[in-house]
């Protein structure tokens, strides 16, 4: 990106983004929304807590909820649609090697042994 800005705009293309950021910083300081004397820990603690919160929410709670609902509402499909033999041993998925009669579909691979 720096190389393309340098070729397109010269040295001003490299300096312009930094000037823009400085102007935004000065505007926030003028409005009183930013205080330079505030220690960084004031910003880091909420940022870290939000990181932990959203990691737990999107990495633990949401997947557990979706998995639990799938197991409760669609247990056969959620467990892989397994085909079982007469003894109850899994042979494979019922979704693999389906027979399609319509010529617009690919021919399924014959994976089911019966």
PDB file of N, CA and C in Angstrom:
ATOM      1  N   UNK A   1       0.814  -1.178   0.000  1.00  0.00           N
ATOM      2  CA  UNK A   1       0.000   0.000   0.000  1.00  0.00           C
ATOM      3  C   UNK A   1       0.869   1.257   0.000  1.00  0.00           C
ATOM      4  N   UNK A   2       1.910   1.241   0.792  1.00  0.00           N
ATOM      5  CA  UNK A   2       2.791   2.405   0.827  1.00  0.00           C
ATOM      6  C   UNK A   2       3.436   2.641  -0.532  1.00  0.00           C
ATOM      7  N   UNK A   3       3.817   1.550  -1.206  1.00  0.00           N
ATOM      8  CA  UNK A   3       4.467   1.685  -2.509  1.00  0.00           C
ATOM      9  C   UNK A   3       3.489   2.277  -3.527  1.00  0.00           C
ATOM     10  N   UNK A   4       2.221   1.806  -3.523  1.00  0.00           N
ATOM     11  CA  UNK A   4       1.250   2.342  -4.480  1.00  0.00           C
ATOM     12  C   UNK A   4       0.941   3.806  -4.183  1.00  0.00           C
ATOM     13  N   UNK A   5       0.855   4.189  -2.905  1.00  0.00           N
ATOM     14  CA  UNK A   5       0.637   5.595  -2.570  1.00  0.00           C
ATOM     15  C   UNK A   5       1.820   6.450  -2.987  1.00  0.00           C
ATOM     16  N   UNK A   6       3.011   5.917  -2.822  1.00  0.00           N
ATOM     17  CA  UNK A   6       4.212   6.667  -3.202  1.00  0.00           C
ATOM     18  C   UNK A   6       4.245   6.889  -4.705  1.00  0.00           C
ATOM     19  N   UNK A   7       3.888   5.851  -5.478  1.00  0.00           N
ATOM     20  CA  UNK A   7       3.889   5.997  -6.926  1.00  0.00           C
ATOM     21  C   UNK A   7       2.770   6.928  -7.395  1.00  0.00           C
ATOM     22  N   UNK A   8       1.610   6.872  -6.762  1.00  0.00           N
ATOM     23  CA  UNK A   8       0.476   7.666  -7.214  1.00  0.00           C
ATOM     24  C   UNK A   8       0.555   9.112  -6.752  1.00  0.00           C
ATOM     25  N   UNK A   9       0.948   9.339  -5.515  1.00  0.00           N
ATOM     26  CA  UNK A   9       0.861  10.675  -4.947  1.00  0.00           C
ATOM     27  C   UNK A   9       2.202  11.276  -4.538  1.00  0.00           C
ATOM     28  N   UNK A  10       3.270  10.567  -4.709  1.00  0.00           N
ATOM     29  CA  UNK A  10       4.568  11.072  -4.285  1.00  0.00           C
ATOM     30  C   UNK A  10       4.695  10.970  -2.770  1.00  0.00           C
ATOM     31  N   UNK A  11       5.592  11.733  -2.191  1.00  0.00           N
ATOM     32  CA  UNK A  11       5.792  11.682  -0.747  1.00  0.00           C
ATOM     33  C   UNK A  11       4.574  12.173   0.027  1.00  0.00           C
ATOM     34  N   UNK A  12       3.759  13.043  -0.588  1.00  0.00           N
ATOM     35  CA  UNK A  12       2.543  13.514   0.068  1.00  0.00           C
ATOM     36  C   UNK A  12       1.554  12.385   0.310  1.00  0.00           C
ATOM     37  N   UNK A  13       1.561  11.366  -0.543  1.00  0.00           N
ATOM     38  CA  UNK A  13       0.671  10.220  -0.372  1.00  0.00           C
ATOM     39  C   UNK A  13       1.026   9.398   0.852  1.00  0.00           C
ATOM     40  N   UNK A  14       2.288   9.458   1.257  1.00  0.00           N
ATOM     41  CA  UNK A  14       2.688   8.751   2.471  1.00  0.00           C
ATOM     42  C   UNK A  14       2.402   9.570   3.714  1.00  0.00           C
ATOM     43  N   UNK A  15       2.484  10.887   3.593  1.00  0.00           N
ATOM     44  CA  UNK A  15       2.312  11.746   4.759  1.00  0.00           C
ATOM     45  C   UNK A  15       0.849  12.069   5.032  1.00  0.00           C
ATOM     46  N   UNK A  16      -0.005  12.073   4.002  1.00  0.00           N
ATOM     47  CA  UNK A  16      -1.402  12.488   4.159  1.00  0.00           C
ATOM     48  C   UNK A  16      -2.167  11.666   5.194  1.00  0.00           C
ATOM     49  N   UNK A  17      -2.052  10.335   5.227  1.00  0.00           N
ATOM     50  CA  UNK A  17      -2.794   9.597   6.255  1.00  0.00           C
ATOM     51  C   UNK A  17      -2.387   9.989   7.672  1.00  0.00           C
ATOM     52  N   UNK A  18      -1.123  10.242   7.885  1.00  0.00           N
ATOM     53  CA  UNK A  18      -0.665  10.610   9.221  1.00  0.00           C
ATOM     54  C   UNK A  18      -1.160  11.996   9.612  1.00  0.00           C
ATOM     55  N   UNK A  19      -1.221  12.896   8.646  1.00  0.00           N
ATOM     56  CA  UNK A  19      -1.748  14.239   8.899  1.00  0.00           C
ATOM     57  C   UNK A  19      -3.229  14.134   9.256  1.00  0.00           C
ATOM     58  N   UNK A  20      -3.968  13.271   8.544  1.00  0.00           N
ATOM     59  CA  UNK A  20      -5.383  13.075   8.831  1.00  0.00           C
ATOM     60  C   UNK A  20      -5.612  12.510  10.214  1.00  0.00           C
ATOM     61  N   UNK A  21      -4.814  11.559  10.615  1.00  0.00           N
ATOM     62  CA  UNK A  21      -4.938  10.976  11.953  1.00  0.00           C
ATOM     63  C   UNK A  21      -4.645  12.033  13.013  1.00  0.00           C
ATOM     64  N   UNK A  22      -3.646  12.860  12.768  1.00  0.00           N
ATOM     65  CA  UNK A  22      -3.301  13.918  13.720  1.00  0.00           C
ATOM     66  C   UNK A  22      -4.441  14.928  13.831  1.00  0.00           C
ATOM     67  N   UNK A  23      -5.086  15.263  12.719  1.00  0.00           N
ATOM     68  CA  UNK A  23      -6.214  16.195  12.752  1.00  0.00           C
ATOM     69  C   UNK A  23      -7.379  15.611  13.563  1.00  0.00           C
ATOM     70  N   UNK A  24      -7.673  14.341  13.388  1.00  0.00           N
ATOM     71  CA  UNK A  24      -8.741  13.691  14.158  1.00  0.00           C
ATOM     72  C   UNK A  24      -8.396  13.715  15.638  1.00  0.00           C
ATOM     73  N   UNK A  25      -7.145  13.419  15.965  1.00  0.00           N
ATOM     74  CA  UNK A  25      -6.707  13.439  17.358  1.00  0.00           C
ATOM     75  C   UNK A  25      -6.865  14.829  17.972  1.00  0.00           C
ATOM     76  N   UNK A  26      -6.483  15.867  17.239  1.00  0.00           N
ATOM     77  CA  UNK A  26      -6.611  17.232  17.741  1.00  0.00           C
ATOM     78  C   UNK A  26      -8.077  17.639  17.876  1.00  0.00           C
ATOM     79  N   UNK A  27      -8.935  17.188  16.962  1.00  0.00           N
ATOM     80  CA  UNK A  27     -10.362  17.494  17.053  1.00  0.00           C
ATOM     81  C   UNK A  27     -10.974  16.845  18.292  1.00  0.00           C
ATOM     82  N   UNK A  28     -10.629  15.582  18.549  1.00  0.00           N
ATOM     83  CA  UNK A  28     -11.148  14.907  19.741  1.00  0.00           C
ATOM     84  C   UNK A  28     -10.634  15.572  21.011  1.00  0.00           C
ATOM     85  N   UNK A  29      -9.406  16.003  20.989  1.00  0.00           N
ATOM     86  CA  UNK A  29      -8.834  16.700  22.146  1.00  0.00           C
ATOM     87  C   UNK A  29      -9.547  18.041  22.372  1.00  0.00           C
ATOM     88  N   UNK A  30      -9.867  18.741  21.283  1.00  0.00           N
ATOM     89  CA  UNK A  30     -10.565  20.014  21.392  1.00  0.00           C
ATOM     90  C   UNK A  30     -11.995  19.857  21.904  1.00  0.00           C
ATOM     91  N   UNK A  31     -12.638  18.758  21.542  1.00  0.00           N
ATOM     92  CA  UNK A  31     -14.006  18.515  22.009  1.00  0.00           C
ATOM     93  C   UNK A  31     -14.047  17.964  23.429  1.00  0.00           C
ATOM     94  N   UNK A  32     -12.908  17.616  23.962  1.00  0.00           N
ATOM     95  CA  UNK A  32     -12.848  17.070  25.317  1.00  0.00           C
ATOM     96  C   UNK A  32     -13.130  15.579  25.392  1.00  0.00           C
ATOM     97  N   UNK A  33     -13.135  14.901  24.249  1.00  0.00           N
ATOM     98  CA  UNK A  33     -13.409  13.463  24.229  1.00  0.00           C
ATOM     99  C   UNK A  33     -12.143  12.634  24.416  1.00  0.00           C
ATOM    100  N   UNK A  34     -11.029  13.289  24.455  1.00  0.00           N
ATOM    101  CA  UNK A  34      -9.756  12.583  24.569  1.00  0.00           C
ATOM    102  C   UNK A  34      -8.886  13.380  25.536  1.00  0.00           C
ATOM    103  N   UNK A  35      -8.297  12.698  26.479  1.00  0.00           N
ATOM    104  CA  UNK A  35      -7.464  13.371  27.474  1.00  0.00           C
ATOM    105  C   UNK A  35      -6.091  12.727  27.446  1.00  0.00           C
ATOM    106  N   UNK A  36      -5.073  13.504  27.163  1.00  0.00           N
ATOM    107  CA  UNK A  36      -3.725  12.948  27.053  1.00  0.00           C
ATOM    108  C   UNK A  36      -3.142  12.522  28.398  1.00  0.00           C
ATOM    109  N   UNK A  37      -3.699  13.016  29.494  1.00  0.00           N
ATOM    110  CA  UNK A  37      -3.135  12.669  30.799  1.00  0.00           C
ATOM    111  C   UNK A  37      -3.733  11.385  31.364  1.00  0.00           C
ATOM    112  N   UNK A  38      -4.680  10.771  30.657  1.00  0.00           N
ATOM    113  CA  UNK A  38      -5.293   9.530  31.119  1.00  0.00           C
ATOM    114  C   UNK A  38      -4.301   8.382  30.954  1.00  0.00           C
ATOM    115  N   UNK A  39      -4.074   7.583  32.011  1.00  0.00           N
ATOM    116  CA  UNK A  39      -3.145   6.454  31.863  1.00  0.00           C
ATOM    117  C   UNK A  39      -3.718   5.381  30.930  1.00  0.00           C
ATOM    118  N   UNK A  40      -2.834   4.669  30.287  1.00  0.00           N
ATOM    119  CA  UNK A  40      -3.253   3.669  29.315  1.00  0.00           C
ATOM    120  C   UNK A  40      -4.031   2.528  29.956  1.00  0.00           C
ATOM    121  N   UNK A  41      -3.790   2.253  31.237  1.00  0.00           N
ATOM    122  CA  UNK A  41      -4.500   1.163  31.912  1.00  0.00           C
ATOM    123  C   UNK A  41      -6.006   1.402  31.934  1.00  0.00           C
ATOM    124  N   UNK A  42      -6.416   2.640  31.881  1.00  0.00           N
ATOM    125  CA  UNK A  42      -7.846   2.955  31.838  1.00  0.00           C
ATOM    126  C   UNK A  42      -8.463   2.399  30.556  1.00  0.00           C
ATOM    127  N   UNK A  43      -7.705   2.382  29.474  1.00  0.00           N
ATOM    128  CA  UNK A  43      -8.195   1.866  28.194  1.00  0.00           C
ATOM    129  C   UNK A  43      -7.936   0.368  28.046  1.00  0.00           C
ATOM    130  N   UNK A  44      -6.849  -0.117  28.623  1.00  0.00           N
ATOM    131  CA  UNK A  44      -6.493  -1.520  28.443  1.00  0.00           C
ATOM    132  C   UNK A  44      -7.396  -2.464  29.226  1.00  0.00           C
ATOM    133  N   UNK A  45      -7.803  -2.084  30.429  1.00  0.00           N
ATOM    134  CA  UNK A  45      -8.637  -2.971  31.233  1.00  0.00           C
ATOM    135  C   UNK A  45      -9.979  -3.264  30.552  1.00  0.00           C
ATOM    136  N   UNK A  46     -10.746  -2.259  30.103  1.00  0.00           N
ATOM    137  CA  UNK A  46     -11.998  -2.579  29.408  1.00  0.00           C
ATOM    138  C   UNK A  46     -11.770  -3.338  28.106  1.00  0.00           C
ATOM    139  N   UNK A  47     -10.683  -3.016  27.402  1.00  0.00           N
ATOM    140  CA  UNK A  47     -10.391  -3.720  26.153  1.00  0.00           C
ATOM    141  C   UNK A  47     -10.126  -5.196  26.422  1.00  0.00           C
ATOM    142  N   UNK A  48      -9.361  -5.494  27.457  1.00  0.00           N
ATOM    143  CA  UNK A  48      -9.063  -6.884  27.801  1.00  0.00           C
ATOM    144  C   UNK A  48     -10.326  -7.611  28.266  1.00  0.00           C
ATOM    145  N   UNK A  49     -11.151  -6.935  29.071  1.00  0.00           N
ATOM    146  CA  UNK A  49     -12.397  -7.558  29.544  1.00  0.00           C
ATOM    147  C   UNK A  49     -13.354  -7.843  28.381  1.00  0.00           C
ATOM    148  N   UNK A  50     -13.425  -6.927  27.429  1.00  0.00           N
ATOM    149  CA  UNK A  50     -14.259  -7.171  26.250  1.00  0.00           C
ATOM    150  C   UNK A  50     -13.716  -8.321  25.411  1.00  0.00           C
ATOM    151  N   UNK A  51     -12.395  -8.415  25.294  1.00  0.00           N
ATOM    152  CA  UNK A  51     -11.786  -9.528  24.579  1.00  0.00           C
ATOM    153  C   UNK A  51     -12.169 -10.859  25.215  1.00  0.00           C
ATOM    154  N   UNK A  52     -12.067 -10.943  26.538  1.00  0.00           N
ATOM    155  CA  UNK A  52     -12.428 -12.174  27.248  1.00  0.00           C
ATOM    156  C   UNK A  52     -13.917 -12.467  27.089  1.00  0.00           C
ATOM    157  N   UNK A  53     -14.753 -11.440  27.241  1.00  0.00           N
ATOM    158  CA  UNK A  53     -16.201 -11.612  27.128  1.00  0.00           C
ATOM    159  C   UNK A  53     -16.595 -12.138  25.749  1.00  0.00           C
ATOM    160  N   UNK A  54     -16.124 -11.488  24.688  1.00  0.00           N
ATOM    161  CA  UNK A  54     -16.509 -11.907  23.347  1.00  0.00           C
ATOM    162  C   UNK A  54     -15.869 -13.231  22.945  1.00  0.00           C
ATOM    163  N   UNK A  55     -14.696 -13.545  23.485  1.00  0.00           N
ATOM    164  CA  UNK A  55     -14.098 -14.855  23.233  1.00  0.00           C
ATOM    165  C   UNK A  55     -14.970 -15.947  23.834  1.00  0.00           C
ATOM    166  N   UNK A  56     -15.423 -15.740  25.063  1.00  0.00           N
ATOM    167  CA  UNK A  56     -16.313 -16.727  25.692  1.00  0.00           C
ATOM    168  C   UNK A  56     -17.660 -16.789  24.990  1.00  0.00           C
ATOM    169  N   UNK A  57     -18.185 -15.643  24.596  1.00  0.00           N
ATOM    170  CA  UNK A  57     -19.487 -15.608  23.940  1.00  0.00           C
ATOM    171  C   UNK A  57     -19.459 -16.315  22.587  1.00  0.00           C
ATOM    172  N   UNK A  58     -18.496 -15.957  21.749  1.00  0.00           N
ATOM    173  CA  UNK A  58     -18.474 -16.498  20.391  1.00  0.00           C
ATOM    174  C   UNK A  58     -17.703 -17.802  20.269  1.00  0.00           C
ATOM    175  N   UNK A  59     -16.861 -18.108  21.239  1.00  0.00           N
ATOM    176  CA  UNK A  59     -16.063 -19.328  21.154  1.00  0.00           C
ATOM    177  C   UNK A  59     -16.558 -20.457  22.016  1.00  0.00           C
ATOM    178  N   UNK A  60     -17.411 -20.150  23.013  1.00  0.00           N
ATOM    179  CA  UNK A  60     -17.894 -21.195  23.921  1.00  0.00           C
ATOM    180  C   UNK A  60     -19.419 -21.214  23.970  1.00  0.00           C
ATOM    181  N   UNK A  61     -20.019 -20.102  24.347  1.00  0.00           N
ATOM    182  CA  UNK A  61     -21.462 -20.073  24.579  1.00  0.00           C
ATOM    183  C   UNK A  61     -22.266 -20.297  23.301  1.00  0.00           C
ATOM    184  N   UNK A  62     -21.957 -19.565  22.240  1.00  0.00           N
ATOM    185  CA  UNK A  62     -22.703 -19.720  20.993  1.00  0.00           C
ATOM    186  C   UNK A  62     -22.542 -21.124  20.393  1.00  0.00           C
ATOM    187  N   UNK A  63     -21.316 -21.664  20.240  1.00  0.00           N
ATOM    188  CA  UNK A  63     -21.208 -23.019  19.698  1.00  0.00           C
ATOM    189  C   UNK A  63     -21.898 -24.073  20.570  1.00  0.00           C
ATOM    190  N   UNK A  64     -21.822 -23.923  21.894  1.00  0.00           N
ATOM    191  CA  UNK A  64     -22.486 -24.882  22.777  1.00  0.00           C
ATOM    192  C   UNK A  64     -24.006 -24.803  22.624  1.00  0.00           C
ATOM    193  N   UNK A  65     -24.533 -23.602  22.480  1.00  0.00           N
ATOM    194  CA  UNK A  65     -25.971 -23.430  22.295  1.00  0.00           C
ATOM    195  C   UNK A  65     -26.437 -24.029  20.974  1.00  0.00           C
ATOM    196  N   UNK A  66     -25.721 -23.751  19.900  1.00  0.00           N
ATOM    197  CA  UNK A  66     -26.109 -24.277  18.591  1.00  0.00           C
ATOM    198  C   UNK A  66     -25.995 -25.797  18.572  1.00  0.00           C
ATOM    199  N   UNK A  67     -24.938 -26.340  19.164  1.00  0.00           N
ATOM    200  CA  UNK A  67     -24.777 -27.793  19.219  1.00  0.00           C
ATOM    201  C   UNK A  67     -25.881 -28.429  20.049  1.00  0.00           C
ATOM    202  N   UNK A  68     -26.199 -27.826  21.190  1.00  0.00           N
ATOM    203  CA  UNK A  68     -27.265 -28.355  22.039  1.00  0.00           C
ATOM    204  C   UNK A  68     -28.617 -28.327  21.345  1.00  0.00           C
ATOM    205  N   UNK A  69     -28.936 -27.225  20.668  1.00  0.00           N
ATOM    206  CA  UNK A  69     -30.196 -27.152  19.930  1.00  0.00           C
ATOM    207  C   UNK A  69     -30.248 -28.166  18.796  1.00  0.00           C
ATOM    208  N   UNK A  70     -29.147 -28.339  18.097  1.00  0.00           N
ATOM    209  CA  UNK A  70     -29.106 -29.315  17.004  1.00  0.00           C
ATOM    210  C   UNK A  70     -29.301 -30.729  17.534  1.00  0.00           C
ATOM    211  N   UNK A  71     -28.656 -31.054  18.642  1.00  0.00           N
ATOM    212  CA  UNK A  71     -28.818 -32.389  19.222  1.00  0.00           C
ATOM    213  C   UNK A  71     -30.246 -32.620  19.704  1.00  0.00           C
ATOM    214  N   UNK A  72     -30.878 -31.569  20.202  1.00  0.00           N
ATOM    215  CA  UNK A  72     -32.233 -31.699  20.730  1.00  0.00           C
ATOM    216  C   UNK A  72     -33.278 -31.749  19.610  1.00  0.00           C
ATOM    217  N   UNK A  73     -33.137 -30.860  18.599  1.00  0.00           N
ATOM    218  CA  UNK A  73     -34.139 -30.772  17.543  1.00  0.00           C
ATOM    219  C   UNK A  73     -33.917 -31.763  16.403  1.00  0.00           C
ATOM    220  N   UNK A  74     -32.659 -32.034  16.059  1.00  0.00           N
ATOM    221  CA  UNK A  74     -32.338 -32.892  14.921  1.00  0.00           C
ATOM    222  C   UNK A  74     -31.260 -33.909  15.298  1.00  0.00           C
ATOM    223  N   UNK A  75     -31.534 -34.841  16.197  1.00  0.00           N
ATOM    224  CA  UNK A  75     -30.473 -35.729  16.675  1.00  0.00           C
ATOM    225  C   UNK A  75     -29.887 -36.621  15.578  1.00  0.00           C
ATOM    226  N   UNK A  76     -30.699 -37.115  14.647  1.00  0.00           N
ATOM    227  CA  UNK A  76     -30.187 -37.988  13.593  1.00  0.00           C
ATOM    228  C   UNK A  76     -29.213 -37.233  12.685  1.00  0.00           C
ATOM    229  N   UNK A  77     -29.608 -36.042  12.251  1.00  0.00           N
ATOM    230  CA  UNK A  77     -28.761 -35.251  11.360  1.00  0.00           C
ATOM    231  C   UNK A  77     -27.532 -34.704  12.085  1.00  0.00           C
ATOM    232  N   UNK A  78     -27.687 -34.298  13.349  1.00  0.00           N
ATOM    233  CA  UNK A  78     -26.567 -33.721  14.094  1.00  0.00           C
ATOM    234  C   UNK A  78     -25.480 -34.751  14.384  1.00  0.00           C
ATOM    235  N   UNK A  79     -25.842 -36.014  14.401  1.00  0.00           N
ATOM    236  CA  UNK A  79     -24.870 -37.071  14.665  1.00  0.00           C
ATOM    237  C   UNK A  79     -24.316 -37.689  13.388  1.00  0.00           C
ATOM    238  N   UNK A  80     -24.550 -37.071  12.242  1.00  0.00           N
ATOM    239  CA  UNK A  80     -23.919 -37.521  11.011  1.00  0.00           C
ATOM    240  C   UNK A  80     -24.790 -38.384  10.132  1.00  0.00           C
ATOM    241  N   UNK A  81     -26.074 -38.546  10.421  1.00  0.00           N
ATOM    242  CA  UNK A  81     -26.990 -39.348   9.612  1.00  0.00           C
ATOM    243  C   UNK A  81     -26.415 -40.739   9.364  1.00  0.00           C
ATOM    244  N   UNK A  82     -26.013 -41.412  10.425  1.00  0.00           N
ATOM    245  CA  UNK A  82     -25.335 -42.694  10.294  1.00  0.00           C
ATOM    246  C   UNK A  82     -26.287 -43.803   9.884  1.00  0.00           C
ATOM    247  N   UNK A  83     -25.814 -44.652   8.959  1.00  0.00           N
ATOM    248  CA  UNK A  83     -26.521 -45.876   8.582  1.00  0.00           C
ATOM    249  C   UNK A  83     -25.921 -47.016   9.391  1.00  0.00           C
ATOM    250  N   UNK A  84     -26.772 -47.809  10.010  1.00  0.00           N
ATOM    251  CA  UNK A  84     -26.312 -48.897  10.869  1.00  0.00           C
ATOM    252  C   UNK A  84     -26.635 -50.242  10.237  1.00  0.00           C
ATOM    253  N   UNK A  85     -25.786 -51.250  10.518  1.00  0.00           N
ATOM    254  CA  UNK A  85     -26.081 -52.599  10.035  1.00  0.00           C
ATOM    255  C   UNK A  85     -27.032 -53.283  11.018  1.00  0.00           C
ATOM    256  N   UNK A  86     -27.289 -54.575  10.805  1.00  0.00           N
ATOM    257  CA  UNK A  86     -28.237 -55.312  11.642  1.00  0.00           C
ATOM    258  C   UNK A  86     -27.780 -55.410  13.095  1.00  0.00           C
ATOM    259  N   UNK A  87     -26.475 -55.350  13.310  1.00  0.00           N
ATOM    260  CA  UNK A  87     -25.931 -55.451  14.663  1.00  0.00           C
ATOM    261  C   UNK A  87     -25.805 -54.088  15.348  1.00  0.00           C
ATOM    262  N   UNK A  88     -26.145 -53.015  14.653  1.00  0.00           N
ATOM    263  CA  UNK A  88     -26.077 -51.681  15.227  1.00  0.00           C
ATOM    264  C   UNK A  88     -24.740 -50.983  15.048  1.00  0.00           C
ATOM    265  N   UNK A  89     -23.850 -51.576  14.256  1.00  0.00           N
ATOM    266  CA  UNK A  89     -22.557 -50.931  13.991  1.00  0.00           C
ATOM    267  C   UNK A  89     -22.711 -49.928  12.857  1.00  0.00           C
ATOM    268  N   UNK A  90     -22.078 -48.768  12.984  1.00  0.00           N
ATOM    269  CA  UNK A  90     -22.195 -47.766  11.912  1.00  0.00           C
ATOM    270  C   UNK A  90     -21.453 -48.204  10.656  1.00  0.00           C
ATOM    271  N   UNK A  91     -22.132 -48.048   9.502  1.00  0.00           N
ATOM    272  CA  UNK A  91     -21.530 -48.379   8.215  1.00  0.00           C
ATOM    273  C   UNK A  91     -21.048 -47.142   7.470  1.00  0.00           C
ATOM    274  N   UNK A  92     -21.660 -46.029   7.734  1.00  0.00           N
ATOM    275  CA  UNK A  92     -21.317 -44.792   7.056  1.00  0.00           C
ATOM    276  C   UNK A  92     -22.486 -43.837   7.142  1.00  0.00           C
ATOM    277  N   UNK A  93     -22.382 -42.751   6.443  1.00  0.00           N
ATOM    278  CA  UNK A  93     -23.442 -41.755   6.456  1.00  0.00           C
ATOM    279  C   UNK A  93     -24.467 -42.060   5.379  1.00  0.00           C
ATOM    280  N   UNK A  94     -25.722 -41.813   5.699  1.00  0.00           N
ATOM    281  CA  UNK A  94     -26.786 -42.018   4.720  1.00  0.00           C
ATOM    282  C   UNK A  94     -26.754 -40.964   3.625  1.00  0.00           C
ATOM    283  N   UNK A  95     -25.990 -39.912   3.823  1.00  0.00           N
ATOM    284  CA  UNK A  95     -25.939 -38.820   2.854  1.00  0.00           C
ATOM    285  C   UNK A  95     -24.862 -39.022   1.792  1.00  0.00           C
ATOM    286  N   UNK A  96     -23.988 -40.003   1.964  1.00  0.00           N
ATOM    287  CA  UNK A  96     -22.911 -40.250   1.005  1.00  0.00           C
ATOM    288  C   UNK A  96     -23.361 -41.345   0.039  1.00  0.00           C
ATOM    289  N   UNK A  97     -23.155 -41.116  -1.231  1.00  0.00           N
ATOM    290  CA  UNK A  97     -23.491 -42.113  -2.232  1.00  0.00           C
ATOM    291  C   UNK A  97     -24.978 -42.192  -2.502  1.00  0.00           C
ATOM    292  N   UNK A  98     -25.688 -41.086  -2.420  1.00  0.00           N
ATOM    293  CA  UNK A  98     -27.111 -41.095  -2.725  1.00  0.00           C
ATOM    294  C   UNK A  98     -27.322 -41.332  -4.210  1.00  0.00           C
ATOM    295  N   UNK A  99     -28.386 -42.025  -4.536  1.00  0.00           N
ATOM    296  CA  UNK A  99     -28.713 -42.295  -5.935  1.00  0.00           C
ATOM    297  C   UNK A  99     -29.571 -41.146  -6.466  1.00  0.00           C
ATOM    298  N   UNK A 100     -29.059 -40.439  -7.459  1.00  0.00           N
ATOM    299  CA  UNK A 100     -29.803 -39.360  -8.092  1.00  0.00           C
ATOM    300  C   UNK A 100     -30.242 -39.825  -9.467  1.00  0.00           C
ATOM    301  N   UNK A 101     -31.532 -39.694  -9.780  1.00  0.00           N
ATOM    302  CA  UNK A 101     -32.051 -40.137 -11.073  1.00  0.00           C
ATOM    303  C   UNK A 101     -32.035 -39.006 -12.096  1.00  0.00           C
ATOM    304  N   UNK A 102     -32.061 -37.778 -11.659  1.00  0.00           N
ATOM    305  CA  UNK A 102     -32.092 -36.641 -12.567  1.00  0.00           C
ATOM    306  C   UNK A 102     -30.716 -36.454 -13.203  1.00  0.00           C
ATOM    307  N   UNK A 103     -30.619 -36.335 -14.533  1.00  0.00           N
ATOM    308  CA  UNK A 103     -29.300 -36.230 -15.184  1.00  0.00           C
ATOM    309  C   UNK A 103     -28.549 -34.937 -14.885  1.00  0.00           C
ATOM    310  N   UNK A 104     -29.197 -33.929 -14.296  1.00  0.00           N
ATOM    311  CA  UNK A 104     -28.481 -32.691 -14.005  1.00  0.00           C
ATOM    312  C   UNK A 104     -27.560 -32.823 -12.803  1.00  0.00           C
ATOM    313  N   UNK A 105     -27.694 -33.890 -12.028  1.00  0.00           N
ATOM    314  CA  UNK A 105     -26.836 -34.118 -10.867  1.00  0.00           C
ATOM    315  C   UNK A 105     -25.665 -35.015 -11.241  1.00  0.00           C
ATOM    316  N   UNK A 106     -24.571 -34.881 -10.505  1.00  0.00           N
ATOM    317  CA  UNK A 106     -23.466 -35.813 -10.665  1.00  0.00           C
ATOM    318  C   UNK A 106     -23.887 -37.179 -10.172  1.00  0.00           C
ATOM    319  N   UNK A 107     -23.251 -38.200 -10.697  1.00  0.00           N
ATOM    320  CA  UNK A 107     -23.550 -39.544 -10.216  1.00  0.00           C
ATOM    321  C   UNK A 107     -22.915 -39.712  -8.849  1.00  0.00           C
ATOM    322  N   UNK A 108     -23.696 -40.204  -7.915  1.00  0.00           N
ATOM    323  CA  UNK A 108     -23.180 -40.417  -6.571  1.00  0.00           C
ATOM    324  C   UNK A 108     -22.219 -41.594  -6.527  1.00  0.00           C
ATOM    325  N   UNK A 109     -21.285 -41.547  -5.615  1.00  0.00           N
ATOM    326  CA  UNK A 109     -20.320 -42.628  -5.438  1.00  0.00           C
ATOM    327  C   UNK A 109     -20.996 -43.734  -4.634  1.00  0.00           C
ATOM    328  N   UNK A 110     -20.966 -44.961  -5.082  1.00  0.00           N
ATOM    329  CA  UNK A 110     -21.621 -46.061  -4.345  1.00  0.00           C
ATOM    330  C   UNK A 110     -20.817 -46.439  -3.098  1.00  0.00           C
ATOM    331  N   UNK A 111     -21.112 -45.774  -1.981  1.00  0.00           N
ATOM    332  CA  UNK A 111     -20.374 -46.008  -0.755  1.00  0.00           C
ATOM    333  C   UNK A 111     -21.125 -46.928   0.195  1.00  0.00           C
ATOM    334  N   UNK A 112     -22.404 -47.120  -0.034  1.00  0.00           N
ATOM    335  CA  UNK A 112     -23.188 -47.931   0.876  1.00  0.00           C
ATOM    336  C   UNK A 112     -23.112 -49.388   0.436  1.00  0.00           C
ATOM    337  N   UNK A 113     -22.735 -50.299   1.301  1.00  0.00           N
ATOM    338  CA  UNK A 113     -22.495 -51.694   0.898  1.00  0.00           C
ATOM    339  C   UNK A 113     -23.750 -52.541   0.776  1.00  0.00           C
ATOM    340  N   UNK A 114     -24.931 -52.007   0.929  1.00  0.00           N
ATOM    341  CA  UNK A 114     -26.119 -52.878   0.861  1.00  0.00           C
ATOM    342  C   UNK A 114     -26.964 -52.563  -0.312  1.00  0.00           C
TER     343      UNK A 114
END
